[in-house]
mmCIF file of all heavy atoms, coordinates in Angstrom:
data_MODEL
# 
_entry.id   MODEL 
# 
loop_
_atom_site.group_PDB 
_atom_site.id 
_atom_site.type_symbol 
_atom_site.label_atom_id 
_atom_site.label_alt_id 
_atom_site.label_comp_id 
_atom_site.label_asym_id 
_atom_site.label_entity_id 
_atom_site.label_seq_id 
_atom_site.pdbx_PDB_ins_code 
_atom_site.Cartn_x 
_atom_site.Cartn_y 
_atom_site.Cartn_z 
_atom_site.occupancy 
_atom_site.B_iso_or_equiv 
_atom_site.pdbx_formal_charge 
_atom_site.auth_seq_id 
_atom_site.auth_comp_id 
_atom_site.auth_asym_id 
_atom_site.auth_atom_id 
_atom_site.pdbx_PDB_model_num 
ATOM 1   N N   . LEU A 1 1  ? -10.552 12.457  -11.203 1.00 0.00 ? 1  LEU A N   1 
ATOM 2   C CA  . LEU A 1 1  ? -11.335 12.523  -9.910  1.00 0.00 ? 1  LEU A CA  1 
ATOM 3   C C   . LEU A 1 1  ? -11.301 13.806  -9.130  1.00 0.00 ? 1  LEU A C   1 
ATOM 4   O O   . LEU A 1 1  ? -12.065 14.400  -8.601  1.00 0.00 ? 1  LEU A O   1 
ATOM 5   C CB  . LEU A 1 1  ? -10.887 11.345  -8.966  1.00 0.00 ? 1  LEU A CB  1 
ATOM 6   C CG  . LEU A 1 1  ? -11.345 9.862   -9.369  1.00 0.00 ? 1  LEU A CG  1 
ATOM 7   C CD1 . LEU A 1 1  ? -10.742 8.956   -8.433  1.00 0.00 ? 1  LEU A CD1 1 
ATOM 8   C CD2 . LEU A 1 1  ? -12.857 9.897   -9.399  1.00 0.00 ? 1  LEU A CD2 1 
ATOM 9   N N   . VAL A 1 2  ? -10.054 14.472  -9.333  1.00 0.00 ? 2  VAL A N   1 
ATOM 10  C CA  . VAL A 1 2  ? -9.790  15.770  -8.737  1.00 0.00 ? 2  VAL A CA  1 
ATOM 11  C C   . VAL A 1 2  ? -10.510 16.802  -9.463  1.00 0.00 ? 2  VAL A C   1 
ATOM 12  O O   . VAL A 1 2  ? -11.258 17.769  -8.894  1.00 0.00 ? 2  VAL A O   1 
ATOM 13  C CB  . VAL A 1 2  ? -8.267  16.101  -8.696  1.00 0.00 ? 2  VAL A CB  1 
ATOM 14  C CG1 . VAL A 1 2  ? -7.986  17.470  -8.281  1.00 0.00 ? 2  VAL A CG1 1 
ATOM 15  C CG2 . VAL A 1 2  ? -7.597  15.134  -7.760  1.00 0.00 ? 2  VAL A CG2 1 
ATOM 16  N N   . GLU A 1 3  ? -10.474 16.865  -10.808 1.00 0.00 ? 3  GLU A N   1 
ATOM 17  C CA  . GLU A 1 3  ? -11.017 17.880  -11.635 1.00 0.00 ? 3  GLU A CA  1 
ATOM 18  C C   . GLU A 1 3  ? -12.527 17.756  -11.825 1.00 0.00 ? 3  GLU A C   1 
ATOM 19  O O   . GLU A 1 3  ? -13.236 18.685  -11.750 1.00 0.00 ? 3  GLU A O   1 
ATOM 20  C CB  . GLU A 1 3  ? -10.423 17.934  -12.970 1.00 0.00 ? 3  GLU A CB  1 
ATOM 21  C CG  . GLU A 1 3  ? -8.894  18.240  -12.879 1.00 0.00 ? 3  GLU A CG  1 
ATOM 22  C CD  . GLU A 1 3  ? -8.166  18.034  -14.229 1.00 0.00 ? 3  GLU A CD  1 
ATOM 23  O OE1 . GLU A 1 3  ? -8.846  17.682  -15.260 1.00 0.00 ? 3  GLU A OE1 1 
ATOM 24  O OE2 . GLU A 1 3  ? -6.953  18.294  -14.300 1.00 0.00 ? 3  GLU A OE2 1 
ATOM 25  N N   . GLN A 1 4  ? -12.977 16.549  -11.858 1.00 0.00 ? 4  GLN A N   1 
ATOM 26  C CA  . GLN A 1 4  ? -14.415 16.359  -12.319 1.00 0.00 ? 4  GLN A CA  1 
ATOM 27  C C   . GLN A 1 4  ? -15.227 16.097  -11.108 1.00 0.00 ? 4  GLN A C   1 
ATOM 28  O O   . GLN A 1 4  ? -16.380 16.572  -10.819 1.00 0.00 ? 4  GLN A O   1 
ATOM 29  C CB  . GLN A 1 4  ? -14.575 15.139  -13.262 1.00 0.00 ? 4  GLN A CB  1 
ATOM 30  C CG  . GLN A 1 4  ? -13.844 15.286  -14.493 1.00 0.00 ? 4  GLN A CG  1 
ATOM 31  C CD  . GLN A 1 4  ? -14.229 16.453  -15.390 1.00 0.00 ? 4  GLN A CD  1 
ATOM 32  O OE1 . GLN A 1 4  ? -15.319 16.888  -15.392 1.00 0.00 ? 4  GLN A OE1 1 
ATOM 33  N NE2 . GLN A 1 4  ? -13.317 16.955  -16.226 1.00 0.00 ? 4  GLN A NE2 1 
ATOM 34  N N   . ALA A 1 5  ? -14.769 15.147  -10.127 1.00 0.00 ? 5  ALA A N   1 
ATOM 35  C CA  . ALA A 1 5  ? -15.521 14.838  -8.976  1.00 0.00 ? 5  ALA A CA  1 
ATOM 36  C C   . ALA A 1 5  ? -15.243 15.724  -7.768  1.00 0.00 ? 5  ALA A C   1 
ATOM 37  O O   . ALA A 1 5  ? -15.965 15.695  -6.762  1.00 0.00 ? 5  ALA A O   1 
ATOM 38  C CB  . ALA A 1 5  ? -15.303 13.413  -8.611  1.00 0.00 ? 5  ALA A CB  1 
ATOM 39  N N   . GLY A 1 6  ? -14.112 16.568  -7.765  1.00 0.00 ? 6  GLY A N   1 
ATOM 40  C CA  . GLY A 1 6  ? -13.828 17.430  -6.600  1.00 0.00 ? 6  GLY A CA  1 
ATOM 41  C C   . GLY A 1 6  ? -13.163 16.668  -5.526  1.00 0.00 ? 6  GLY A C   1 
ATOM 42  O O   . GLY A 1 6  ? -13.240 17.113  -4.330  1.00 0.00 ? 6  GLY A O   1 
ATOM 43  N N   . TRP A 1 7  ? -12.541 15.560  -5.640  1.00 0.00 ? 7  TRP A N   1 
ATOM 44  C CA  . TRP A 1 7  ? -11.889 14.664  -4.619  1.00 0.00 ? 7  TRP A CA  1 
ATOM 45  C C   . TRP A 1 7  ? -10.500 15.283  -4.296  1.00 0.00 ? 7  TRP A C   1 
ATOM 46  O O   . TRP A 1 7  ? -9.954  15.971  -5.094  1.00 0.00 ? 7  TRP A O   1 
ATOM 47  C CB  . TRP A 1 7  ? -11.772 13.264  -5.087  1.00 0.00 ? 7  TRP A CB  1 
ATOM 48  C CG  . TRP A 1 7  ? -13.090 12.394  -5.068  1.00 0.00 ? 7  TRP A CG  1 
ATOM 49  C CD1 . TRP A 1 7  ? -14.336 12.984  -5.074  1.00 0.00 ? 7  TRP A CD1 1 
ATOM 50  C CD2 . TRP A 1 7  ? -13.280 11.097  -5.185  1.00 0.00 ? 7  TRP A CD2 1 
ATOM 51  N NE1 . TRP A 1 7  ? -15.342 12.109  -5.095  1.00 0.00 ? 7  TRP A NE1 1 
ATOM 52  C CE2 . TRP A 1 7  ? -14.655 10.795  -5.120  1.00 0.00 ? 7  TRP A CE2 1 
ATOM 53  C CE3 . TRP A 1 7  ? -12.447 9.959   -5.284  1.00 0.00 ? 7  TRP A CE3 1 
ATOM 54  C CZ2 . TRP A 1 7  ? -15.105 9.544   -5.200  1.00 0.00 ? 7  TRP A CZ2 1 
ATOM 55  C CZ3 . TRP A 1 7  ? -12.855 8.682   -5.319  1.00 0.00 ? 7  TRP A CZ3 1 
ATOM 56  C CH2 . TRP A 1 7  ? -14.186 8.482   -5.214  1.00 0.00 ? 7  TRP A CH2 1 
ATOM 57  N N   . SER A 1 8  ? -10.084 14.795  -3.173  1.00 0.00 ? 8  SER A N   1 
ATOM 58  C CA  . SER A 1 8  ? -8.672  15.008  -2.880  1.00 0.00 ? 8  SER A CA  1 
ATOM 59  C C   . SER A 1 8  ? -7.934  13.602  -2.907  1.00 0.00 ? 8  SER A C   1 
ATOM 60  O O   . SER A 1 8  ? -8.151  12.725  -2.175  1.00 0.00 ? 8  SER A O   1 
ATOM 61  C CB  . SER A 1 8  ? -8.496  15.632  -1.437  1.00 0.00 ? 8  SER A CB  1 
ATOM 62  O OG  . SER A 1 8  ? -7.142  15.689  -1.137  1.00 0.00 ? 8  SER A OG  1 
ATOM 63  N N   . VAL A 1 9  ? -7.045  13.497  -3.941  1.00 0.00 ? 9  VAL A N   1 
ATOM 64  C CA  . VAL A 1 9  ? -6.416  12.202  -4.252  1.00 0.00 ? 9  VAL A CA  1 
ATOM 65  C C   . VAL A 1 9  ? -5.010  12.310  -4.033  1.00 0.00 ? 9  VAL A C   1 
ATOM 66  O O   . VAL A 1 9  ? -4.264  13.214  -4.498  1.00 0.00 ? 9  VAL A O   1 
ATOM 67  C CB  . VAL A 1 9  ? -6.783  11.734  -5.716  1.00 0.00 ? 9  VAL A CB  1 
ATOM 68  C CG1 . VAL A 1 9  ? -6.181  10.416  -5.977  1.00 0.00 ? 9  VAL A CG1 1 
ATOM 69  C CG2 . VAL A 1 9  ? -8.255  11.745  -5.923  1.00 0.00 ? 9  VAL A CG2 1 
ATOM 70  N N   . ASP A 1 10 ? -4.430  11.310  -3.268  1.00 0.00 ? 10 ASP A N   1 
ATOM 71  C CA  . ASP A 1 10 ? -2.987  11.122  -2.992  1.00 0.00 ? 10 ASP A CA  1 
ATOM 72  C C   . ASP A 1 10 ? -2.508  9.878   -3.638  1.00 0.00 ? 10 ASP A C   1 
ATOM 73  O O   . ASP A 1 10 ? -3.114  8.826   -3.616  1.00 0.00 ? 10 ASP A O   1 
ATOM 74  C CB  . ASP A 1 10 ? -2.646  10.999  -1.475  1.00 0.00 ? 10 ASP A CB  1 
ATOM 75  C CG  . ASP A 1 10 ? -3.156  12.452  -0.731  1.00 0.00 ? 10 ASP A CG  1 
ATOM 76  O OD1 . ASP A 1 10 ? -2.778  13.368  -1.434  1.00 0.00 ? 10 ASP A OD1 1 
ATOM 77  O OD2 . ASP A 1 10 ? -3.543  12.383  0.384   1.00 0.00 ? 10 ASP A OD2 1 
ATOM 78  N N   . LEU A 1 11 ? -1.270  10.019  -4.318  1.00 0.00 ? 11 LEU A N   1 
ATOM 79  C CA  . LEU A 1 11 ? -0.571  8.886   -4.980  1.00 0.00 ? 11 LEU A CA  1 
ATOM 80  C C   . LEU A 1 11 ? 0.273   8.271   -3.707  1.00 0.00 ? 11 LEU A C   1 
ATOM 81  O O   . LEU A 1 11 ? 0.964   8.979   -3.058  1.00 0.00 ? 11 LEU A O   1 
ATOM 82  C CB  . LEU A 1 11 ? 0.256   9.277   -6.075  1.00 0.00 ? 11 LEU A CB  1 
ATOM 83  C CG  . LEU A 1 11 ? -0.587  9.926   -7.309  1.00 0.00 ? 11 LEU A CG  1 
ATOM 84  C CD1 . LEU A 1 11 ? 0.406   10.057  -8.453  1.00 0.00 ? 11 LEU A CD1 1 
ATOM 85  C CD2 . LEU A 1 11 ? -1.551  8.752   -7.705  1.00 0.00 ? 11 LEU A CD2 1 
ATOM 86  N N   . ALA A 1 12 ? 0.257   6.896   -3.728  1.00 0.00 ? 12 ALA A N   1 
ATOM 87  C CA  . ALA A 1 12 ? 1.020   6.121   -2.665  1.00 0.00 ? 12 ALA A CA  1 
ATOM 88  C C   . ALA A 1 12 ? 2.184   5.423   -3.367  1.00 0.00 ? 12 ALA A C   1 
ATOM 89  O O   . ALA A 1 12 ? 2.117   5.005   -4.560  1.00 0.00 ? 12 ALA A O   1 
ATOM 90  C CB  . ALA A 1 12 ? 0.142   5.248   -1.975  1.00 0.00 ? 12 ALA A CB  1 
ATOM 91  N N   . HIS A 1 13 ? 3.313   5.264   -2.543  1.00 0.00 ? 13 HIS A N   1 
ATOM 92  C CA  . HIS A 1 13 ? 4.367   4.553   -3.106  1.00 0.00 ? 13 HIS A CA  1 
ATOM 93  C C   . HIS A 1 13 ? 4.113   3.067   -3.020  1.00 0.00 ? 13 HIS A C   1 
ATOM 94  O O   . HIS A 1 13 ? 3.860   2.532   -1.931  1.00 0.00 ? 13 HIS A O   1 
ATOM 95  C CB  . HIS A 1 13 ? 5.629   4.947   -2.227  1.00 0.00 ? 13 HIS A CB  1 
ATOM 96  C CG  . HIS A 1 13 ? 6.888   4.439   -2.840  1.00 0.00 ? 13 HIS A CG  1 
ATOM 97  N ND1 . HIS A 1 13 ? 7.370   3.072   -2.826  1.00 0.00 ? 13 HIS A ND1 1 
ATOM 98  C CD2 . HIS A 1 13 ? 7.986   5.090   -3.407  1.00 0.00 ? 13 HIS A CD2 1 
ATOM 99  C CE1 . HIS A 1 13 ? 8.480   2.975   -3.381  1.00 0.00 ? 13 HIS A CE1 1 
ATOM 100 N NE2 . HIS A 1 13 ? 8.882   4.141   -3.770  1.00 0.00 ? 13 HIS A NE2 1 
ATOM 101 N N   . PRO A 1 14 ? 4.159   2.311   -4.183  1.00 0.00 ? 14 PRO A N   1 
ATOM 102 C CA  . PRO A 1 14 ? 3.828   0.909   -4.194  1.00 0.00 ? 14 PRO A CA  1 
ATOM 103 C C   . PRO A 1 14 ? 4.572   0.068   -3.157  1.00 0.00 ? 14 PRO A C   1 
ATOM 104 O O   . PRO A 1 14 ? 4.176   -0.783  -2.442  1.00 0.00 ? 14 PRO A O   1 
ATOM 105 C CB  . PRO A 1 14 ? 3.837   0.458   -5.657  1.00 0.00 ? 14 PRO A CB  1 
ATOM 106 C CG  . PRO A 1 14 ? 3.891   1.790   -6.394  1.00 0.00 ? 14 PRO A CG  1 
ATOM 107 C CD  . PRO A 1 14 ? 4.470   2.826   -5.458  1.00 0.00 ? 14 PRO A CD  1 
ATOM 108 N N   . GLY A 1 15 ? 5.997   0.419   -3.236  1.00 0.00 ? 15 GLY A N   1 
ATOM 109 C CA  . GLY A 1 15 ? 6.890   -0.466  -2.385  1.00 0.00 ? 15 GLY A CA  1 
ATOM 110 C C   . GLY A 1 15 ? 6.687   -0.259  -0.908  1.00 0.00 ? 15 GLY A C   1 
ATOM 111 O O   . GLY A 1 15 ? 6.609   -1.303  -0.167  1.00 0.00 ? 15 GLY A O   1 
ATOM 112 N N   . TYR A 1 16 ? 6.460   0.939   -0.479  1.00 0.00 ? 16 TYR A N   1 
ATOM 113 C CA  . TYR A 1 16 ? 6.280   1.170   0.938   1.00 0.00 ? 16 TYR A CA  1 
ATOM 114 C C   . TYR A 1 16 ? 4.899   0.595   1.449   1.00 0.00 ? 16 TYR A C   1 
ATOM 115 O O   . TYR A 1 16 ? 4.726   0.191   2.568   1.00 0.00 ? 16 TYR A O   1 
ATOM 116 C CB  . TYR A 1 16 ? 6.421   2.675   1.306   1.00 0.00 ? 16 TYR A CB  1 
ATOM 117 C CG  . TYR A 1 16 ? 7.726   3.089   1.276   1.00 0.00 ? 16 TYR A CG  1 
ATOM 118 C CD1 . TYR A 1 16 ? 8.225   4.142   0.326   1.00 0.00 ? 16 TYR A CD1 1 
ATOM 119 C CD2 . TYR A 1 16 ? 8.749   2.616   2.149   1.00 0.00 ? 16 TYR A CD2 1 
ATOM 120 C CE1 . TYR A 1 16 ? 9.522   4.476   0.298   1.00 0.00 ? 16 TYR A CE1 1 
ATOM 121 C CE2 . TYR A 1 16 ? 10.127  3.163   2.174   1.00 0.00 ? 16 TYR A CE2 1 
ATOM 122 C CZ  . TYR A 1 16 ? 10.466  4.089   1.207   1.00 0.00 ? 16 TYR A CZ  1 
ATOM 123 O OH  . TYR A 1 16 ? 11.656  4.508   1.196   1.00 0.00 ? 16 TYR A OH  1 
ATOM 124 N N   . VAL A 1 17 ? 3.827   0.669   0.435   1.00 0.00 ? 17 VAL A N   1 
ATOM 125 C CA  . VAL A 1 17 ? 2.659   0.221   0.853   1.00 0.00 ? 17 VAL A CA  1 
ATOM 126 C C   . VAL A 1 17 ? 2.535   -1.330  1.147   1.00 0.00 ? 17 VAL A C   1 
ATOM 127 O O   . VAL A 1 17 ? 1.984   -1.945  1.958   1.00 0.00 ? 17 VAL A O   1 
ATOM 128 C CB  . VAL A 1 17 ? 1.567   0.523   -0.215  1.00 0.00 ? 17 VAL A CB  1 
ATOM 129 C CG1 . VAL A 1 17 ? 0.189   -0.128  -0.026  1.00 0.00 ? 17 VAL A CG1 1 
ATOM 130 C CG2 . VAL A 1 17 ? 1.300   2.175   -0.240  1.00 0.00 ? 17 VAL A CG2 1 
ATOM 131 N N   . HIS A 1 18 ? 3.398   -1.883  0.137   1.00 0.00 ? 18 HIS A N   1 
ATOM 132 C CA  . HIS A 1 18 ? 3.556   -3.380  0.360   1.00 0.00 ? 18 HIS A CA  1 
ATOM 133 C C   . HIS A 1 18 ? 4.247   -3.762  1.601   1.00 0.00 ? 18 HIS A C   1 
ATOM 134 O O   . HIS A 1 18 ? 3.898   -4.767  2.175   1.00 0.00 ? 18 HIS A O   1 
ATOM 135 C CB  . HIS A 1 18 ? 4.400   -3.961  -0.819  1.00 0.00 ? 18 HIS A CB  1 
ATOM 136 C CG  . HIS A 1 18 ? 4.542   -5.494  -0.932  1.00 0.00 ? 18 HIS A CG  1 
ATOM 137 N ND1 . HIS A 1 18 ? 3.567   -6.352  -1.062  1.00 0.00 ? 18 HIS A ND1 1 
ATOM 138 C CD2 . HIS A 1 18 ? 5.736   -6.118  -0.607  1.00 0.00 ? 18 HIS A CD2 1 
ATOM 139 C CE1 . HIS A 1 18 ? 4.083   -7.475  -0.997  1.00 0.00 ? 18 HIS A CE1 1 
ATOM 140 N NE2 . HIS A 1 18 ? 5.472   -7.469  -0.664  1.00 0.00 ? 18 HIS A NE2 1 
ATOM 141 N N   . ARG A 1 19 ? 5.249   -3.037  2.012   1.00 0.00 ? 19 ARG A N   1 
ATOM 142 C CA  . ARG A 1 19 ? 5.861   -3.380  3.272   1.00 0.00 ? 19 ARG A CA  1 
ATOM 143 C C   . ARG A 1 19 ? 5.003   -3.049  4.505   1.00 0.00 ? 19 ARG A C   1 
ATOM 144 O O   . ARG A 1 19 ? 5.165   -3.777  5.433   1.00 0.00 ? 19 ARG A O   1 
ATOM 145 C CB  . ARG A 1 19 ? 7.100   -2.470  3.408   1.00 0.00 ? 19 ARG A CB  1 
ATOM 146 C CG  . ARG A 1 19 ? 8.175   -2.737  2.369   1.00 0.00 ? 19 ARG A CG  1 
ATOM 147 C CD  . ARG A 1 19 ? 9.324   -1.786  2.505   1.00 0.00 ? 19 ARG A CD  1 
ATOM 148 N NE  . ARG A 1 19 ? 10.342  -1.987  1.510   1.00 0.00 ? 19 ARG A NE  1 
ATOM 149 C CZ  . ARG A 1 19 ? 11.346  -1.251  1.240   1.00 0.00 ? 19 ARG A CZ  1 
ATOM 150 N NH1 . ARG A 1 19 ? 11.655  -0.213  2.067   1.00 0.00 ? 19 ARG A NH1 1 
ATOM 151 N NH2 . ARG A 1 19 ? 12.254  -1.491  0.222   1.00 0.00 ? 19 ARG A NH2 1 
ATOM 152 N N   . LEU A 1 20 ? 4.101   -2.196  4.413   1.00 0.00 ? 20 LEU A N   1 
ATOM 153 C CA  . LEU A 1 20 ? 3.169   -1.922  5.471   1.00 0.00 ? 20 LEU A CA  1 
ATOM 154 C C   . LEU A 1 20 ? 1.986   -2.952  5.627   1.00 0.00 ? 20 LEU A C   1 
ATOM 155 O O   . LEU A 1 20 ? 1.330   -3.021  6.683   1.00 0.00 ? 20 LEU A O   1 
ATOM 156 C CB  . LEU A 1 20 ? 2.494   -0.600  5.292   1.00 0.00 ? 20 LEU A CB  1 
ATOM 157 C CG  . LEU A 1 20 ? 3.437   0.683   5.405   1.00 0.00 ? 20 LEU A CG  1 
ATOM 158 C CD1 . LEU A 1 20 ? 2.788   1.986   5.125   1.00 0.00 ? 20 LEU A CD1 1 
ATOM 159 C CD2 . LEU A 1 20 ? 3.921   0.763   6.954   1.00 0.00 ? 20 LEU A CD2 1 
ATOM 160 N N   . LYS A 1 21 ? 1.863   -3.798  4.588   1.00 0.00 ? 21 LYS A N   1 
ATOM 161 C CA  . LYS A 1 21 ? 0.784   -4.859  4.700   1.00 0.00 ? 21 LYS A CA  1 
ATOM 162 C C   . LYS A 1 21 ? 1.273   -5.872  5.692   1.00 0.00 ? 21 LYS A C   1 
ATOM 163 O O   . LYS A 1 21 ? 2.386   -6.376  5.765   1.00 0.00 ? 21 LYS A O   1 
ATOM 164 C CB  . LYS A 1 21 ? 0.729   -5.511  3.389   1.00 0.00 ? 21 LYS A CB  1 
ATOM 165 C CG  . LYS A 1 21 ? -0.254  -4.756  2.466   1.00 0.00 ? 21 LYS A CG  1 
ATOM 166 C CD  . LYS A 1 21 ? -0.701  -5.622  1.203   1.00 0.00 ? 21 LYS A CD  1 
ATOM 167 C CE  . LYS A 1 21 ? -1.650  -6.724  1.655   1.00 0.00 ? 21 LYS A CE  1 
ATOM 168 N NZ  . LYS A 1 21 ? -2.141  -7.522  0.596   1.00 0.00 ? 21 LYS A NZ  1 
ATOM 169 N N   . GLN A 1 22 ? 0.437   -6.296  6.685   1.00 0.00 ? 22 GLN A N   1 
ATOM 170 C CA  . GLN A 1 22 ? 0.693   -7.359  7.647   1.00 0.00 ? 22 GLN A CA  1 
ATOM 171 C C   . GLN A 1 22 ? 0.211   -8.633  7.278   1.00 0.00 ? 22 GLN A C   1 
ATOM 172 O O   . GLN A 1 22 ? 0.695   -9.688  7.815   1.00 0.00 ? 22 GLN A O   1 
ATOM 173 C CB  . GLN A 1 22 ? -0.005  -6.863  8.918   1.00 0.00 ? 22 GLN A CB  1 
ATOM 174 C CG  . GLN A 1 22 ? 0.538   -5.484  9.480   1.00 0.00 ? 22 GLN A CG  1 
ATOM 175 C CD  . GLN A 1 22 ? -0.160  -5.150  10.825  1.00 0.00 ? 22 GLN A CD  1 
ATOM 176 O OE1 . GLN A 1 22 ? -1.036  -5.830  11.369  1.00 0.00 ? 22 GLN A OE1 1 
ATOM 177 N NE2 . GLN A 1 22 ? 0.267   -4.093  11.406  1.00 0.00 ? 22 GLN A NE2 1 
ATOM 178 N N   . SER A 1 23 ? -0.607  -8.791  6.255   1.00 0.00 ? 23 SER A N   1 
ATOM 179 C CA  . SER A 1 23 ? -1.013  -10.068 5.918   1.00 0.00 ? 23 SER A CA  1 
ATOM 180 C C   . SER A 1 23 ? -0.326  -10.486 4.565   1.00 0.00 ? 23 SER A C   1 
ATOM 181 O O   . SER A 1 23 ? -0.127  -9.684  3.689   1.00 0.00 ? 23 SER A O   1 
ATOM 182 C CB  . SER A 1 23 ? -2.573  -9.903  5.600   1.00 0.00 ? 23 SER A CB  1 
ATOM 183 O OG  . SER A 1 23 ? -3.137  -11.173 5.024   1.00 0.00 ? 23 SER A OG  1 
ATOM 184 N N   . PRO A 1 24 ? 0.003   -11.767 4.436   1.00 0.00 ? 24 PRO A N   1 
ATOM 185 C CA  . PRO A 1 24 ? 0.683   -12.215 3.288   1.00 0.00 ? 24 PRO A CA  1 
ATOM 186 C C   . PRO A 1 24 ? -0.238  -12.293 2.072   1.00 0.00 ? 24 PRO A C   1 
ATOM 187 O O   . PRO A 1 24 ? 0.231   -12.521 0.996   1.00 0.00 ? 24 PRO A O   1 
ATOM 188 C CB  . PRO A 1 24 ? 1.251   -13.566 3.658   1.00 0.00 ? 24 PRO A CB  1 
ATOM 189 C CG  . PRO A 1 24 ? 0.282   -14.044 4.841   1.00 0.00 ? 24 PRO A CG  1 
ATOM 190 C CD  . PRO A 1 24 ? -0.045  -12.854 5.521   1.00 0.00 ? 24 PRO A CD  1 
ATOM 191 N N   . ASP A 1 25 ? -1.580  -12.436 2.289   1.00 0.00 ? 25 ASP A N   1 
ATOM 192 C CA  . ASP A 1 25 ? -2.542  -12.559 1.312   1.00 0.00 ? 25 ASP A CA  1 
ATOM 193 C C   . ASP A 1 25 ? -2.677  -11.166 0.508   1.00 0.00 ? 25 ASP A C   1 
ATOM 194 O O   . ASP A 1 25 ? -2.754  -10.117 1.082   1.00 0.00 ? 25 ASP A O   1 
ATOM 195 C CB  . ASP A 1 25 ? -3.894  -12.965 1.860   1.00 0.00 ? 25 ASP A CB  1 
ATOM 196 C CG  . ASP A 1 25 ? -3.863  -14.280 2.631   1.00 0.00 ? 25 ASP A CG  1 
ATOM 197 O OD1 . ASP A 1 25 ? -2.980  -15.038 2.210   1.00 0.00 ? 25 ASP A OD1 1 
ATOM 198 O OD2 . ASP A 1 25 ? -4.671  -14.488 3.515   1.00 0.00 ? 25 ASP A OD2 1 
# 
């Protein structure tokens, strides 16, 4: 996506993203 589509893509830490979720679903 960065090389072909010209996007700016960031990788996120899965553990911290899961903790930031407020919904159990």
